[in-house]
Amino acid sequence: MRYIFMLVMATVLFAQEEVVILVSGMHCPLCTTAVKKALKNVEGVESLKVTLESKKAVIVAKEGIEDKVYLDAVKTTGYEGVIKSRTSIKAKN
C-alpha cells in the first residue's frame, strides 16, 4: 500500500508539461534572450528554448502553471505571446 501511495505522489509531484508559445515581434538574437530570461524567472520552469526563426518558445515546466503567467512574462519584454499547445509529459519509470 505504501508503494502505491509513493508512486502516486511521485507522479503528482513531478508531473511536467511542454508548453509552446508563439511570440510575435522578435527580430534579433537579443529579442530571444530577453524572452528566455523572462520565462526562466517563472517558478516551475525546468527548461526552455526560444528560437528566432520559428518565433517560438518551447517550455518544459511543472504542470498547472496558468497560461496567463507565461504570457505576462513574455509581455514584460514588450512582445505578445499566444499559447499554441500544452502537452503532458509522462514520467519515465
N, C-alpha and C. Protein backbone atom coordinates (compact mmCIF):
# COMPACT_ATOMS: atom_id res chain seq x y z
N MET A 1 0.82 -1.19 0.00
CA MET A 1 0.00 0.00 0.00
C MET A 1 0.88 1.27 0.00
N ARG A 2 1.94 1.25 0.78
CA ARG A 2 2.84 2.40 0.84
C ARG A 2 3.48 2.65 -0.53
N TYR A 3 3.81 1.57 -1.25
CA TYR A 3 4.42 1.69 -2.57
C TYR A 3 3.48 2.43 -3.53
N ILE A 4 2.22 2.06 -3.51
CA ILE A 4 1.24 2.68 -4.40
C ILE A 4 1.11 4.17 -4.06
N PHE A 5 1.04 4.47 -2.78
CA PHE A 5 0.95 5.87 -2.36
C PHE A 5 2.16 6.67 -2.85
N MET A 6 3.35 6.11 -2.68
CA MET A 6 4.57 6.80 -3.10
C MET A 6 4.60 6.99 -4.62
N LEU A 7 4.13 5.99 -5.35
CA LEU A 7 4.09 6.08 -6.81
C LEU A 7 3.14 7.19 -7.26
N VAL A 8 1.98 7.25 -6.64
CA VAL A 8 1.01 8.29 -6.97
C VAL A 8 1.57 9.67 -6.63
N MET A 9 2.17 9.80 -5.48
CA MET A 9 2.74 11.08 -5.07
C MET A 9 3.87 11.52 -6.00
N ALA A 10 4.70 10.59 -6.42
CA ALA A 10 5.79 10.93 -7.34
C ALA A 10 5.23 11.44 -8.66
N THR A 11 4.17 10.82 -9.13
CA THR A 11 3.55 11.24 -10.39
C THR A 11 2.98 12.64 -10.26
N VAL A 12 2.32 12.90 -9.14
CA VAL A 12 1.72 14.22 -8.92
C VAL A 12 2.81 15.28 -8.74
N LEU A 13 3.81 14.98 -7.95
CA LEU A 13 4.84 15.97 -7.64
C LEU A 13 5.73 16.29 -8.82
N PHE A 14 5.96 15.33 -9.69
CA PHE A 14 6.90 15.53 -10.78
C PHE A 14 6.24 15.58 -12.15
N ALA A 15 4.92 15.78 -12.20
CA ALA A 15 4.23 15.88 -13.48
C ALA A 15 4.72 17.13 -14.21
N GLN A 16 5.02 16.95 -15.49
CA GLN A 16 5.52 18.06 -16.30
C GLN A 16 4.70 18.18 -17.56
N GLU A 17 4.84 19.32 -18.19
CA GLU A 17 4.21 19.53 -19.48
C GLU A 17 5.11 20.38 -20.36
N GLU A 18 4.89 20.24 -21.67
CA GLU A 18 5.58 21.08 -22.63
C GLU A 18 4.59 22.13 -23.11
N VAL A 19 4.99 23.38 -23.03
CA VAL A 19 4.15 24.49 -23.46
C VAL A 19 4.85 25.19 -24.61
N VAL A 20 4.12 25.39 -25.71
CA VAL A 20 4.68 26.09 -26.87
C VAL A 20 3.96 27.43 -26.99
N ILE A 21 4.75 28.50 -27.02
CA ILE A 21 4.21 29.85 -27.14
C ILE A 21 4.73 30.48 -28.42
N LEU A 22 3.82 31.02 -29.22
CA LEU A 22 4.21 31.80 -30.39
C LEU A 22 4.43 33.24 -29.92
N VAL A 23 5.60 33.78 -30.21
CA VAL A 23 5.95 35.13 -29.75
C VAL A 23 6.07 36.04 -30.97
N SER A 24 5.21 37.06 -31.03
CA SER A 24 5.26 37.96 -32.19
C SER A 24 6.16 39.16 -31.89
N GLY A 25 6.86 39.62 -32.91
CA GLY A 25 7.66 40.82 -32.79
C GLY A 25 9.15 40.61 -32.60
N MET A 26 9.58 39.38 -32.32
CA MET A 26 11.02 39.15 -32.15
C MET A 26 11.71 39.28 -33.51
N HIS A 27 12.83 40.01 -33.55
CA HIS A 27 13.51 40.20 -34.83
C HIS A 27 15.03 40.06 -34.76
N CYS A 28 15.58 39.81 -33.55
CA CYS A 28 17.03 39.67 -33.44
C CYS A 28 17.37 38.74 -32.27
N PRO A 29 18.62 38.30 -32.17
CA PRO A 29 19.01 37.41 -31.08
C PRO A 29 18.80 38.01 -29.68
N LEU A 30 18.92 39.33 -29.56
CA LEU A 30 18.68 39.95 -28.25
C LEU A 30 17.22 39.81 -27.82
N CYS A 31 16.33 39.78 -28.81
CA CYS A 31 14.90 39.58 -28.50
C CYS A 31 14.69 38.21 -27.86
N THR A 32 15.29 37.19 -28.44
CA THR A 32 15.12 35.84 -27.90
C THR A 32 15.75 35.74 -26.51
N THR A 33 16.85 36.42 -26.30
CA THR A 33 17.49 36.41 -24.99
C THR A 33 16.59 37.04 -23.93
N ALA A 34 15.95 38.14 -24.27
CA ALA A 34 15.05 38.81 -23.33
C ALA A 34 13.86 37.93 -22.98
N VAL A 35 13.28 37.29 -23.99
CA VAL A 35 12.12 36.41 -23.75
C VAL A 35 12.55 35.21 -22.90
N LYS A 36 13.70 34.64 -23.23
CA LYS A 36 14.20 33.49 -22.47
C LYS A 36 14.42 33.86 -21.00
N LYS A 37 15.03 35.00 -20.77
CA LYS A 37 15.29 35.44 -19.40
C LYS A 37 13.99 35.63 -18.63
N ALA A 38 13.00 36.23 -19.26
CA ALA A 38 11.71 36.46 -18.59
C ALA A 38 11.02 35.15 -18.25
N LEU A 39 11.03 34.19 -19.19
CA LEU A 39 10.36 32.91 -18.95
C LEU A 39 11.13 32.06 -17.94
N LYS A 40 12.44 32.19 -17.90
CA LYS A 40 13.25 31.45 -16.92
C LYS A 40 12.89 31.83 -15.50
N ASN A 41 12.41 33.05 -15.32
CA ASN A 41 12.03 33.54 -13.99
C ASN A 41 10.68 33.04 -13.52
N VAL A 42 9.93 32.36 -14.39
CA VAL A 42 8.64 31.79 -13.99
C VAL A 42 8.91 30.58 -13.11
N GLU A 43 8.34 30.58 -11.92
CA GLU A 43 8.55 29.47 -10.99
C GLU A 43 7.96 28.18 -11.57
N GLY A 44 8.76 27.13 -11.59
CA GLY A 44 8.32 25.84 -12.11
C GLY A 44 8.88 25.50 -13.47
N VAL A 45 9.50 26.48 -14.14
CA VAL A 45 10.09 26.22 -15.46
C VAL A 45 11.38 25.42 -15.27
N GLU A 46 11.44 24.27 -15.93
CA GLU A 46 12.61 23.38 -15.84
C GLU A 46 13.62 23.68 -16.94
N SER A 47 13.11 23.87 -18.16
CA SER A 47 13.99 24.17 -19.29
C SER A 47 13.17 24.89 -20.35
N LEU A 48 13.87 25.59 -21.24
CA LEU A 48 13.17 26.26 -22.33
C LEU A 48 14.12 26.55 -23.47
N LYS A 49 13.52 26.73 -24.63
CA LYS A 49 14.27 27.08 -25.83
C LYS A 49 13.44 28.12 -26.58
N VAL A 50 14.08 29.23 -26.92
CA VAL A 50 13.42 30.29 -27.68
C VAL A 50 14.16 30.43 -28.99
N THR A 51 13.43 30.32 -30.11
CA THR A 51 14.08 30.40 -31.42
C THR A 51 13.53 31.57 -32.23
N LEU A 52 14.44 32.29 -32.85
CA LEU A 52 14.08 33.45 -33.66
C LEU A 52 13.39 33.03 -34.95
N GLU A 53 13.91 31.98 -35.59
CA GLU A 53 13.39 31.55 -36.89
C GLU A 53 11.92 31.16 -36.81
N SER A 54 11.56 30.39 -35.79
CA SER A 54 10.17 29.93 -35.67
C SER A 54 9.33 30.87 -34.82
N LYS A 55 9.99 31.82 -34.15
CA LYS A 55 9.32 32.76 -33.25
C LYS A 55 8.51 32.01 -32.19
N LYS A 56 9.16 30.97 -31.63
CA LYS A 56 8.52 30.12 -30.62
C LYS A 56 9.36 30.04 -29.36
N ALA A 57 8.64 29.85 -28.27
CA ALA A 57 9.28 29.48 -27.00
C ALA A 57 8.72 28.12 -26.64
N VAL A 58 9.59 27.15 -26.44
CA VAL A 58 9.18 25.80 -26.04
C VAL A 58 9.67 25.61 -24.61
N ILE A 59 8.72 25.38 -23.71
CA ILE A 59 9.00 25.35 -22.28
C ILE A 59 8.66 23.98 -21.72
N VAL A 60 9.51 23.44 -20.87
CA VAL A 60 9.19 22.26 -20.07
C VAL A 60 9.11 22.75 -18.63
N ALA A 61 7.93 22.52 -18.03
CA ALA A 61 7.69 23.03 -16.68
C ALA A 61 6.76 22.09 -15.93
N LYS A 62 6.66 22.32 -14.63
CA LYS A 62 5.72 21.53 -13.85
C LYS A 62 4.31 21.84 -14.35
N GLU A 63 3.43 20.85 -14.28
CA GLU A 63 2.06 21.04 -14.73
C GLU A 63 1.33 22.00 -13.81
N GLY A 64 0.35 22.69 -14.37
CA GLY A 64 -0.53 23.51 -13.56
C GLY A 64 -0.23 25.00 -13.58
N ILE A 65 0.81 25.42 -14.27
CA ILE A 65 1.08 26.85 -14.37
C ILE A 65 0.09 27.43 -15.38
N GLU A 66 -0.59 28.48 -14.98
CA GLU A 66 -1.63 29.07 -15.84
C GLU A 66 -1.02 29.78 -17.04
N ASP A 67 -1.77 29.78 -18.15
CA ASP A 67 -1.33 30.46 -19.37
C ASP A 67 -0.94 31.90 -19.09
N LYS A 68 -1.74 32.58 -18.29
CA LYS A 68 -1.53 33.99 -18.00
C LYS A 68 -0.14 34.26 -17.42
N VAL A 69 0.37 33.34 -16.63
CA VAL A 69 1.70 33.52 -16.02
C VAL A 69 2.77 33.58 -17.12
N TYR A 70 2.69 32.65 -18.07
CA TYR A 70 3.65 32.65 -19.18
C TYR A 70 3.50 33.90 -20.04
N LEU A 71 2.26 34.21 -20.39
CA LEU A 71 2.00 35.33 -21.29
C LEU A 71 2.37 36.67 -20.65
N ASP A 72 2.14 36.80 -19.35
CA ASP A 72 2.56 38.02 -18.65
C ASP A 72 4.08 38.15 -18.64
N ALA A 73 4.78 37.04 -18.49
CA ALA A 73 6.25 37.07 -18.53
C ALA A 73 6.74 37.54 -19.89
N VAL A 74 6.14 37.02 -20.96
CA VAL A 74 6.51 37.44 -22.31
C VAL A 74 6.21 38.93 -22.49
N LYS A 75 5.06 39.35 -21.98
CA LYS A 75 4.64 40.75 -22.15
C LYS A 75 5.62 41.73 -21.49
N THR A 76 6.30 41.32 -20.42
CA THR A 76 7.27 42.22 -19.77
C THR A 76 8.43 42.57 -20.69
N THR A 77 8.62 41.79 -21.75
CA THR A 77 9.71 42.06 -22.69
C THR A 77 9.26 42.96 -23.84
N GLY A 78 7.97 43.29 -23.87
CA GLY A 78 7.44 44.14 -24.93
C GLY A 78 6.87 43.36 -26.10
N TYR A 79 6.80 42.05 -25.99
CA TYR A 79 6.27 41.21 -27.06
C TYR A 79 4.96 40.57 -26.62
N GLU A 80 4.21 40.10 -27.59
CA GLU A 80 2.95 39.41 -27.32
C GLU A 80 3.14 37.92 -27.58
N GLY A 81 2.52 37.12 -26.75
CA GLY A 81 2.60 35.68 -26.92
C GLY A 81 1.22 35.06 -27.00
N VAL A 82 1.15 33.92 -27.67
CA VAL A 82 -0.08 33.14 -27.77
C VAL A 82 0.30 31.69 -27.50
N ILE A 83 -0.44 31.04 -26.60
CA ILE A 83 -0.18 29.63 -26.32
C ILE A 83 -0.63 28.82 -27.53
N LYS A 84 0.30 28.08 -28.12
CA LYS A 84 -0.02 27.23 -29.27
C LYS A 84 -0.44 25.85 -28.82
N SER A 85 0.28 25.29 -27.82
CA SER A 85 -0.07 23.95 -27.35
C SER A 85 0.45 23.71 -25.94
N ARG A 86 -0.19 22.74 -25.29
CA ARG A 86 0.24 22.24 -23.97
C ARG A 86 0.14 20.74 -24.05
N THR A 87 1.23 20.05 -23.75
CA THR A 87 1.27 18.60 -23.83
C THR A 87 1.85 18.04 -22.55
N SER A 88 1.11 17.12 -21.93
CA SER A 88 1.59 16.48 -20.71
C SER A 88 2.75 15.56 -21.06
N ILE A 89 3.77 15.59 -20.21
CA ILE A 89 4.93 14.72 -20.39
C ILE A 89 4.83 13.60 -19.37
N LYS A 90 4.80 12.39 -19.85
CA LYS A 90 4.68 11.22 -18.97
C LYS A 90 6.00 10.96 -18.27
N ALA A 91 5.91 10.61 -17.00
CA ALA A 91 7.11 10.25 -16.23
C ALA A 91 7.65 8.93 -16.73
N LYS A 92 8.96 8.83 -16.84
CA LYS A 92 9.60 7.58 -17.28
C LYS A 92 9.95 6.76 -16.06
N ASN A 93 9.54 5.49 -16.05
CA ASN A 93 9.86 4.59 -14.93
C ASN A 93 10.95 3.63 -15.33
